[in-house]
N, C-alpha and C. Protein backbone atom coordinates (compact mmCIF):
# COMPACT_ATOMS: atom_id res chain seq x y z
N MET A 1 -49.66 52.79 -53.25
CA MET A 1 -50.99 52.87 -52.49
C MET A 1 -51.20 53.68 -51.46
N HIS A 2 -52.35 54.44 -51.27
CA HIS A 2 -52.40 55.20 -50.09
C HIS A 2 -52.91 54.30 -49.05
N ASP A 3 -52.24 54.33 -47.75
CA ASP A 3 -52.80 53.83 -46.81
C ASP A 3 -54.02 54.52 -46.01
N THR A 4 -55.14 53.93 -45.81
CA THR A 4 -56.53 54.51 -45.14
C THR A 4 -56.65 54.21 -43.67
N THR A 5 -55.70 53.59 -43.14
CA THR A 5 -55.82 52.95 -41.68
C THR A 5 -55.61 54.37 -40.77
N LYS A 6 -55.91 54.41 -39.75
CA LYS A 6 -55.65 55.16 -38.84
C LYS A 6 -54.81 54.87 -37.62
N THR A 7 -54.20 55.36 -36.88
CA THR A 7 -53.40 55.17 -35.98
C THR A 7 -53.63 55.95 -34.73
N HIS A 8 -53.09 55.71 -33.65
CA HIS A 8 -53.23 56.52 -32.30
C HIS A 8 -53.06 57.91 -32.54
N GLU A 9 -52.15 58.29 -33.42
CA GLU A 9 -51.48 59.80 -33.37
C GLU A 9 -52.66 60.46 -34.25
N ASP A 10 -53.06 59.74 -35.47
CA ASP A 10 -53.94 60.32 -36.39
C ASP A 10 -55.36 60.37 -35.56
N SER A 11 -55.67 59.62 -34.68
CA SER A 11 -57.10 59.70 -34.18
C SER A 11 -57.22 61.00 -33.33
N ALA A 12 -56.08 61.46 -32.59
CA ALA A 12 -56.40 62.48 -31.97
C ALA A 12 -56.56 63.90 -32.65
N GLU A 13 -56.05 64.01 -33.73
CA GLU A 13 -56.57 64.99 -34.83
C GLU A 13 -57.80 64.67 -35.57
N ALA A 14 -58.10 63.37 -35.69
CA ALA A 14 -59.33 63.12 -36.58
C ALA A 14 -60.82 63.30 -35.87
N PRO A 15 -61.65 63.76 -36.84
CA PRO A 15 -63.00 63.99 -36.14
C PRO A 15 -63.34 62.61 -35.17
N SER A 16 -64.22 62.61 -34.39
CA SER A 16 -64.47 61.67 -33.93
C SER A 16 -65.71 60.39 -34.25
N ASP A 17 -66.12 60.66 -35.60
CA ASP A 17 -66.64 59.88 -36.38
C ASP A 17 -66.20 58.86 -37.13
N ILE A 18 -64.68 58.71 -37.01
CA ILE A 18 -63.83 57.95 -37.78
C ILE A 18 -63.43 56.75 -36.64
N ARG A 19 -63.76 55.66 -37.10
CA ARG A 19 -63.01 54.64 -36.13
C ARG A 19 -61.52 54.13 -36.45
N ILE A 20 -60.88 53.52 -35.38
CA ILE A 20 -59.80 53.33 -35.55
C ILE A 20 -59.92 51.91 -35.99
N THR A 21 -59.13 51.65 -37.11
CA THR A 21 -59.23 50.21 -37.56
C THR A 21 -57.75 49.60 -37.46
N ASP A 22 -56.99 49.93 -36.40
CA ASP A 22 -55.63 49.20 -36.27
C ASP A 22 -56.14 47.96 -35.22
N PRO A 23 -55.64 46.81 -35.51
CA PRO A 23 -55.90 45.44 -35.03
C PRO A 23 -55.28 45.61 -33.47
N ALA A 24 -54.10 46.10 -33.70
CA ALA A 24 -53.27 46.32 -32.33
C ALA A 24 -53.91 47.10 -31.38
N ALA A 25 -54.84 48.02 -31.50
CA ALA A 25 -55.23 48.75 -30.51
C ALA A 25 -56.52 48.20 -30.22
N ALA A 26 -57.10 47.09 -30.78
CA ALA A 26 -58.15 46.26 -29.86
C ALA A 26 -57.90 45.41 -28.62
N PRO A 27 -58.61 45.46 -27.27
CA PRO A 27 -58.20 44.86 -26.55
C PRO A 27 -58.13 43.26 -26.84
N LEU A 28 -57.34 42.74 -25.87
CA LEU A 28 -57.08 41.38 -26.28
C LEU A 28 -58.03 40.44 -25.33
N ASP A 29 -58.38 41.09 -24.38
CA ASP A 29 -59.40 40.28 -23.33
C ASP A 29 -60.79 40.65 -23.48
N ALA A 30 -61.27 41.26 -24.65
CA ALA A 30 -62.72 41.57 -25.02
C ALA A 30 -63.66 40.69 -24.87
N ALA A 31 -64.61 40.87 -24.26
CA ALA A 31 -65.81 39.73 -24.50
C ALA A 31 -66.46 39.83 -25.74
N PRO A 32 -66.65 38.61 -26.13
CA PRO A 32 -67.60 38.64 -27.63
C PRO A 32 -68.61 39.36 -27.51
N ALA A 33 -69.29 39.83 -28.51
CA ALA A 33 -70.74 40.49 -28.70
C ALA A 33 -71.69 39.48 -28.48
N THR A 34 -72.51 39.99 -27.50
CA THR A 34 -73.89 39.11 -26.99
C THR A 34 -74.84 39.24 -27.93
N SER A 35 -76.03 38.65 -27.62
CA SER A 35 -76.90 38.81 -28.62
C SER A 35 -77.93 40.13 -28.21
N THR A 36 -77.73 40.94 -27.18
CA THR A 36 -78.10 41.68 -26.63
C THR A 36 -77.63 43.16 -27.39
N ALA A 37 -76.32 42.78 -27.74
CA ALA A 37 -75.40 43.98 -28.29
C ALA A 37 -76.04 43.58 -29.85
N THR A 38 -76.38 42.86 -30.47
CA THR A 38 -76.64 42.96 -31.96
C THR A 38 -78.04 43.09 -32.27
N GLY A 39 -78.88 43.45 -31.09
CA GLY A 39 -80.32 43.89 -31.20
C GLY A 39 -81.24 42.72 -30.99
N HIS A 40 -80.86 41.33 -30.97
CA HIS A 40 -81.66 40.32 -30.62
C HIS A 40 -82.03 39.86 -29.24
N GLU A 41 -83.18 39.56 -28.82
CA GLU A 41 -83.02 39.33 -27.53
C GLU A 41 -82.64 37.87 -27.05
N GLU A 42 -82.48 37.38 -25.88
CA GLU A 42 -81.94 36.38 -25.54
C GLU A 42 -82.72 35.14 -25.58
N ARG A 43 -82.62 33.97 -26.08
CA ARG A 43 -83.47 33.04 -26.10
C ARG A 43 -82.73 31.92 -25.19
N GLU A 44 -83.60 31.52 -24.28
CA GLU A 44 -83.14 30.24 -23.27
C GLU A 44 -83.12 29.08 -24.03
N THR A 45 -81.91 28.35 -24.06
CA THR A 45 -82.10 27.15 -25.22
C THR A 45 -82.78 25.93 -24.13
N TRP A 46 -82.19 25.54 -22.89
CA TRP A 46 -83.15 24.37 -22.38
C TRP A 46 -84.37 24.66 -22.32
N PRO A 47 -85.32 25.74 -21.96
CA PRO A 47 -86.68 25.74 -21.95
C PRO A 47 -87.21 25.50 -23.52
N ALA A 48 -86.49 25.99 -24.75
CA ALA A 48 -87.12 25.93 -25.86
C ALA A 48 -86.85 24.37 -26.30
N ILE A 49 -85.76 23.53 -25.95
CA ILE A 49 -85.73 22.29 -26.25
C ILE A 49 -87.01 21.33 -25.41
N LEU A 50 -87.01 21.83 -24.11
CA LEU A 50 -87.96 21.05 -23.37
C LEU A 50 -89.53 21.23 -23.92
N ARG A 51 -89.73 22.38 -24.55
CA ARG A 51 -91.23 22.90 -25.05
C ARG A 51 -91.15 22.06 -26.58
N GLY A 52 -90.03 21.83 -27.26
CA GLY A 52 -89.94 21.28 -28.33
C GLY A 52 -90.18 19.65 -28.17
N PHE A 53 -89.43 19.03 -26.94
CA PHE A 53 -89.77 17.80 -26.82
C PHE A 53 -91.01 17.41 -26.23
N ARG A 54 -91.96 18.29 -25.64
CA ARG A 54 -93.09 18.14 -25.33
C ARG A 54 -94.07 18.32 -26.42
N GLY A 55 -93.66 18.78 -27.48
CA GLY A 55 -94.48 18.85 -28.88
C GLY A 55 -95.14 20.48 -28.63
N ARG A 56 -94.63 21.22 -28.06
CA ARG A 56 -95.14 22.69 -28.07
C ARG A 56 -94.39 23.63 -28.74
N CYS A 57 -94.55 24.84 -29.28
CA CYS A 57 -93.87 25.56 -30.00
C CYS A 57 -92.77 26.31 -29.06
N PRO A 58 -91.72 26.35 -29.57
CA PRO A 58 -90.56 26.72 -28.66
C PRO A 58 -90.52 28.13 -28.16
N ASN A 59 -91.21 29.07 -28.82
CA ASN A 59 -91.36 30.42 -28.45
C ASN A 59 -92.67 30.67 -27.35
N CYS A 60 -93.65 30.33 -27.64
CA CYS A 60 -94.73 30.21 -26.80
C CYS A 60 -94.83 29.24 -25.56
N GLY A 61 -94.76 27.90 -26.27
CA GLY A 61 -95.10 26.62 -25.18
C GLY A 61 -96.57 26.52 -25.37
N SER A 62 -97.44 26.99 -26.36
CA SER A 62 -98.90 26.56 -26.07
C SER A 62 -99.33 25.80 -27.30
N GLY A 63 -98.90 26.18 -28.42
CA GLY A 63 -99.21 25.96 -29.80
C GLY A 63 -98.56 24.49 -30.09
N PRO A 64 -99.18 23.57 -30.71
CA PRO A 64 -98.67 22.42 -31.36
C PRO A 64 -97.37 22.61 -32.25
N ILE A 65 -96.54 21.97 -32.28
CA ILE A 65 -95.22 22.15 -33.36
C ILE A 65 -95.29 21.04 -34.44
N LEU A 66 -95.87 20.23 -34.14
CA LEU A 66 -96.17 19.02 -35.31
C LEU A 66 -97.76 19.06 -35.89
N ARG A 67 -97.82 19.05 -37.26
CA ARG A 67 -99.19 18.78 -37.66
C ARG A 67 -99.67 17.31 -37.96
N SER A 68 -98.38 16.55 -37.86
CA SER A 68 -98.72 14.82 -37.93
C SER A 68 -97.53 14.48 -37.31
N TYR A 69 -97.18 13.07 -37.73
CA TYR A 69 -96.47 12.42 -36.61
C TYR A 69 -95.10 13.21 -36.72
N LEU A 70 -94.44 13.52 -37.94
CA LEU A 70 -92.94 14.00 -37.94
C LEU A 70 -93.32 15.45 -38.76
N LYS A 71 -94.37 15.89 -39.56
CA LYS A 71 -94.35 17.11 -40.03
C LYS A 71 -94.69 18.22 -39.19
N VAL A 72 -93.45 19.31 -39.36
CA VAL A 72 -93.50 20.55 -38.28
C VAL A 72 -94.52 21.43 -39.23
N ARG A 73 -95.14 22.08 -38.33
CA ARG A 73 -96.03 23.16 -38.82
C ARG A 73 -95.17 24.29 -39.46
N ASP A 74 -95.93 25.13 -40.28
CA ASP A 74 -95.11 26.43 -40.91
C ASP A 74 -95.05 27.14 -40.05
N HIS A 75 -96.10 27.54 -39.23
CA HIS A 75 -95.98 28.50 -38.06
C HIS A 75 -96.90 28.16 -36.74
N CYS A 76 -96.71 28.49 -35.62
CA CYS A 76 -97.46 28.12 -34.47
C CYS A 76 -98.98 28.77 -34.67
N PRO A 77 -99.89 28.32 -34.23
CA PRO A 77 -101.32 28.41 -34.42
C PRO A 77 -101.44 29.64 -33.38
N SER A 78 -100.70 29.64 -32.26
CA SER A 78 -101.09 30.65 -30.94
C SER A 78 -100.38 31.76 -31.02
N CYS A 79 -98.91 31.57 -31.29
CA CYS A 79 -98.19 33.11 -31.45
C CYS A 79 -97.67 33.37 -32.69
N ARG A 80 -98.04 32.54 -33.81
CA ARG A 80 -97.75 32.92 -35.34
C ARG A 80 -96.16 32.97 -35.40
N GLN A 81 -95.41 32.31 -34.52
CA GLN A 81 -93.89 32.14 -34.76
C GLN A 81 -93.69 30.93 -35.86
N GLU A 82 -92.77 31.48 -36.99
CA GLU A 82 -92.71 30.83 -38.16
C GLU A 82 -91.70 29.62 -37.78
N LEU A 83 -92.13 28.44 -38.23
CA LEU A 83 -91.22 27.26 -37.84
C LEU A 83 -90.77 26.55 -38.95
N HIS A 84 -91.18 27.06 -40.36
CA HIS A 84 -90.65 26.27 -41.78
C HIS A 84 -89.28 26.20 -41.64
N HIS A 85 -88.67 27.15 -41.04
CA HIS A 85 -87.13 27.48 -41.13
C HIS A 85 -86.07 26.04 -40.60
N ASN A 86 -87.21 25.14 -39.82
CA ASN A 86 -86.13 23.97 -39.38
C ASN A 86 -85.59 23.23 -40.21
N ARG A 87 -84.35 22.65 -39.99
CA ARG A 87 -83.41 21.51 -40.57
C ARG A 87 -83.00 20.47 -39.93
N ALA A 88 -84.34 19.66 -39.34
CA ALA A 88 -84.09 18.65 -38.48
C ALA A 88 -83.25 17.27 -39.30
N ASP A 89 -83.61 17.24 -40.55
CA ASP A 89 -83.38 16.47 -41.42
C ASP A 89 -83.18 14.87 -40.34
N ASP A 90 -82.19 14.24 -40.74
CA ASP A 90 -81.69 12.84 -40.01
C ASP A 90 -81.21 12.93 -38.64
N GLY A 91 -81.38 14.03 -37.94
CA GLY A 91 -81.15 14.29 -36.61
C GLY A 91 -81.70 13.48 -35.58
N PRO A 92 -83.10 13.56 -35.76
CA PRO A 92 -84.00 12.65 -34.95
C PRO A 92 -83.71 11.39 -34.71
N ALA A 93 -83.75 10.87 -36.23
CA ALA A 93 -83.45 9.43 -36.46
C ALA A 93 -82.19 8.95 -35.64
N TYR A 94 -80.98 9.71 -36.13
CA TYR A 94 -79.64 9.26 -35.29
C TYR A 94 -79.68 9.29 -33.69
N LEU A 95 -80.86 10.38 -33.19
CA LEU A 95 -80.62 10.36 -31.72
C LEU A 95 -81.64 9.36 -31.19
N THR A 96 -82.51 8.90 -31.73
CA THR A 96 -83.25 7.73 -31.51
C THR A 96 -82.68 6.51 -31.45
N ILE A 97 -81.97 6.24 -32.49
CA ILE A 97 -81.19 4.97 -32.62
C ILE A 97 -80.16 4.89 -31.28
N LEU A 98 -79.46 6.30 -30.90
CA LEU A 98 -78.51 6.11 -30.21
C LEU A 98 -78.95 6.03 -28.82
N ILE A 99 -80.18 6.51 -28.42
CA ILE A 99 -80.93 6.34 -27.04
C ILE A 99 -81.38 5.02 -27.16
N VAL A 100 -82.18 4.49 -28.11
CA VAL A 100 -83.00 3.10 -27.75
C VAL A 100 -81.60 2.23 -27.66
N GLY A 101 -80.75 2.14 -28.39
CA GLY A 101 -79.53 1.22 -28.59
C GLY A 101 -78.74 1.24 -27.04
N HIS A 102 -78.62 2.33 -26.53
CA HIS A 102 -77.98 2.38 -25.36
C HIS A 102 -78.66 2.25 -24.06
N ILE A 103 -80.03 1.87 -24.05
CA ILE A 103 -81.07 1.28 -23.27
C ILE A 103 -81.45 -0.16 -23.56
N MET A 104 -81.76 -0.69 -24.57
CA MET A 104 -81.95 -2.11 -24.95
C MET A 104 -80.81 -2.90 -25.13
N ALA A 105 -79.70 -2.42 -25.48
CA ALA A 105 -78.46 -3.34 -25.21
C ALA A 105 -78.33 -3.91 -24.11
N PRO A 106 -78.11 -3.12 -23.15
CA PRO A 106 -77.74 -3.66 -21.64
C PRO A 106 -78.80 -4.20 -20.93
N ALA A 107 -80.16 -3.78 -21.47
CA ALA A 107 -81.17 -4.72 -21.15
C ALA A 107 -81.26 -6.00 -21.45
N LEU A 108 -81.01 -6.05 -22.72
CA LEU A 108 -81.17 -7.52 -23.43
C LEU A 108 -79.81 -8.21 -22.81
N HIS A 109 -78.61 -7.62 -22.48
CA HIS A 109 -77.78 -8.64 -21.71
C HIS A 109 -77.91 -8.83 -20.51
N ILE A 110 -78.58 -7.82 -19.60
CA ILE A 110 -78.99 -8.28 -18.32
C ILE A 110 -79.79 -9.41 -18.52
N THR A 111 -80.76 -8.85 -19.30
CA THR A 111 -82.01 -10.21 -19.26
C THR A 111 -81.58 -11.52 -19.44
N PHE A 112 -80.49 -11.58 -20.49
CA PHE A 112 -80.02 -13.16 -21.05
C PHE A 112 -79.35 -13.73 -19.91
N VAL A 113 -78.51 -12.77 -19.34
CA VAL A 113 -77.35 -13.41 -18.36
C VAL A 113 -78.30 -13.61 -17.04
N ALA A 114 -79.21 -12.92 -16.61
CA ALA A 114 -79.98 -13.36 -15.27
C ALA A 114 -81.02 -14.32 -15.20
N TRP A 115 -81.69 -14.13 -16.59
CA TRP A 115 -82.88 -15.44 -16.65
C TRP A 115 -82.45 -16.59 -17.76
N ARG A 116 -81.81 -16.35 -18.38
CA ARG A 116 -81.81 -17.05 -19.81
C ARG A 116 -83.07 -17.54 -20.45
N PRO A 117 -84.06 -16.56 -21.04
CA PRO A 117 -85.16 -16.92 -21.30
C PRO A 117 -84.84 -17.48 -22.95
N ASP A 118 -86.23 -18.24 -23.36
CA ASP A 118 -86.49 -18.89 -24.62
C ASP A 118 -85.78 -17.83 -25.64
N PRO A 119 -85.22 -18.00 -26.77
CA PRO A 119 -84.76 -16.88 -27.66
C PRO A 119 -85.65 -16.37 -28.65
N LEU A 120 -86.72 -17.02 -28.97
CA LEU A 120 -88.02 -16.46 -29.24
C LEU A 120 -88.75 -15.45 -28.59
N ILE A 121 -89.05 -15.75 -27.29
CA ILE A 121 -89.48 -14.68 -26.21
C ILE A 121 -88.31 -13.67 -26.09
N LEU A 122 -87.26 -13.63 -26.05
CA LEU A 122 -86.31 -12.76 -25.92
C LEU A 122 -86.46 -11.61 -27.20
N VAL A 123 -86.35 -12.48 -28.33
CA VAL A 123 -86.46 -11.47 -29.52
C VAL A 123 -87.73 -10.73 -29.55
N THR A 124 -88.65 -11.51 -29.51
CA THR A 124 -90.04 -10.85 -29.33
C THR A 124 -90.18 -9.73 -28.56
N ILE A 125 -90.10 -9.75 -27.16
CA ILE A 125 -90.25 -8.85 -26.03
C ILE A 125 -89.47 -7.49 -26.34
N PHE A 126 -87.82 -7.88 -26.95
CA PHE A 126 -87.05 -6.71 -27.49
C PHE A 126 -87.27 -5.93 -28.43
N SER A 127 -87.95 -6.99 -29.35
CA SER A 127 -88.33 -6.35 -30.76
C SER A 127 -89.33 -5.47 -30.53
N ILE A 128 -90.27 -5.67 -29.85
CA ILE A 128 -91.60 -4.88 -29.52
C ILE A 128 -90.96 -3.56 -28.30
N GLY A 129 -90.34 -3.54 -27.50
CA GLY A 129 -89.72 -2.76 -27.05
C GLY A 129 -88.99 -1.67 -27.72
N CYS A 130 -88.13 -2.04 -28.44
CA CYS A 130 -87.48 -1.39 -29.60
C CYS A 130 -88.13 -0.44 -30.44
N ILE A 131 -89.14 -0.97 -31.15
CA ILE A 131 -90.25 -0.54 -31.75
C ILE A 131 -91.07 0.34 -31.20
N GLY A 132 -91.58 0.19 -29.89
CA GLY A 132 -92.49 1.12 -29.10
C GLY A 132 -91.76 2.22 -28.68
N LEU A 133 -90.35 2.34 -28.21
CA LEU A 133 -89.26 3.26 -27.70
C LEU A 133 -89.04 4.13 -28.90
N SER A 134 -88.72 3.44 -29.67
CA SER A 134 -88.44 4.50 -31.00
C SER A 134 -89.71 5.26 -31.68
N LEU A 135 -90.99 4.72 -31.87
CA LEU A 135 -91.76 5.50 -32.11
C LEU A 135 -92.38 6.38 -31.34
N TYR A 136 -92.25 6.49 -29.81
CA TYR A 136 -92.23 7.23 -28.81
C TYR A 136 -91.20 8.30 -28.80
N LEU A 137 -89.92 8.13 -29.13
CA LEU A 137 -88.98 9.25 -29.06
C LEU A 137 -88.92 9.92 -30.37
N LEU A 138 -89.34 9.46 -31.38
CA LEU A 138 -88.70 10.08 -32.85
C LEU A 138 -89.60 11.28 -32.89
N PRO A 139 -90.91 11.51 -32.78
CA PRO A 139 -91.43 13.08 -33.03
C PRO A 139 -90.92 13.98 -31.95
N ARG A 140 -90.72 13.27 -30.83
CA ARG A 140 -90.10 14.23 -29.27
C ARG A 140 -88.77 14.66 -29.81
N LEU A 141 -88.05 14.08 -30.37
CA LEU A 141 -86.45 14.29 -30.35
C LEU A 141 -86.67 15.14 -31.56
N LYS A 142 -87.52 14.94 -32.75
CA LYS A 142 -87.66 16.14 -33.68
C LYS A 142 -88.14 17.56 -33.18
N GLY A 143 -89.01 17.71 -32.17
CA GLY A 143 -89.48 18.81 -31.70
C GLY A 143 -88.36 19.45 -30.90
N ALA A 144 -87.48 18.53 -30.30
CA ALA A 144 -86.37 18.94 -29.36
C ALA A 144 -85.32 19.81 -30.23
N ILE A 145 -85.08 18.92 -31.58
CA ILE A 145 -84.06 19.96 -32.45
C ILE A 145 -84.45 21.23 -33.05
N VAL A 146 -85.80 21.19 -33.18
CA VAL A 146 -86.56 22.25 -33.81
C VAL A 146 -86.34 23.27 -32.69
N GLY A 147 -86.66 22.93 -31.52
CA GLY A 147 -86.51 23.98 -30.23
C GLY A 147 -85.18 24.41 -30.03
N TYR A 148 -84.15 23.40 -30.40
CA TYR A 148 -82.87 23.76 -30.35
C TYR A 148 -82.36 24.72 -31.38
N GLN A 149 -82.74 24.59 -32.59
CA GLN A 149 -82.53 25.88 -33.63
C GLN A 149 -82.98 26.82 -33.49
N TRP A 150 -84.37 26.77 -33.01
CA TRP A 150 -84.96 27.94 -32.78
C TRP A 150 -84.36 28.78 -31.57
N ALA A 151 -83.81 28.41 -30.64
CA ALA A 151 -83.06 28.89 -29.51
C ALA A 151 -81.90 29.60 -29.94
N ARG A 152 -81.17 29.07 -30.70
CA ARG A 152 -79.93 29.37 -31.25
C ARG A 152 -80.02 30.19 -32.61
N ARG A 153 -81.16 30.40 -32.96
CA ARG A 153 -81.23 31.34 -34.36
C ARG A 153 -80.54 30.85 -35.48
N MET A 154 -80.75 29.67 -35.47
CA MET A 154 -80.24 28.78 -36.78
C MET A 154 -81.28 28.67 -37.88
N TYR A 155 -80.77 28.82 -39.12
CA TYR A 155 -81.20 28.54 -40.53
C TYR A 155 -82.47 29.71 -40.71
N GLY A 156 -82.38 30.89 -40.22
CA GLY A 156 -83.05 31.76 -40.12
C GLY A 156 -84.61 32.15 -39.25
N PHE A 157 -84.12 31.08 -38.21
CA PHE A 157 -85.28 31.60 -37.05
C PHE A 157 -85.14 32.76 -36.16
């Protein structure tokens, strides 16, 4: 077999358009390629997540991201950013359960220990609280996940 890799000795005589492919010649502490080196502008993650949480386009922040309660628009009506690439799937539901559970479980415990209300009153109040908080958080967390995917250029964004 013929070896086509170039070494340091070969590169001195070789034309300048041939790259050195010797892995030992690469610096060990080189920084990874950034998004500006690959030709894409940098997208800020947290502003995109916050825009999505508010129900706005992660790109411009002015157009609505959802066309109904949980349906993501195909594109932003303001900046024409394509949004159909999103893959939120079950992520918003899992995050909603996680957040509501971590808020309501300690609140239920503290309420029961401190005031010992009637069980029917306790169940009624906390059921309404859980449902209300879940319905409030679900579309906002979906927007936040779409904003995160947009900022990280996931799934074709």
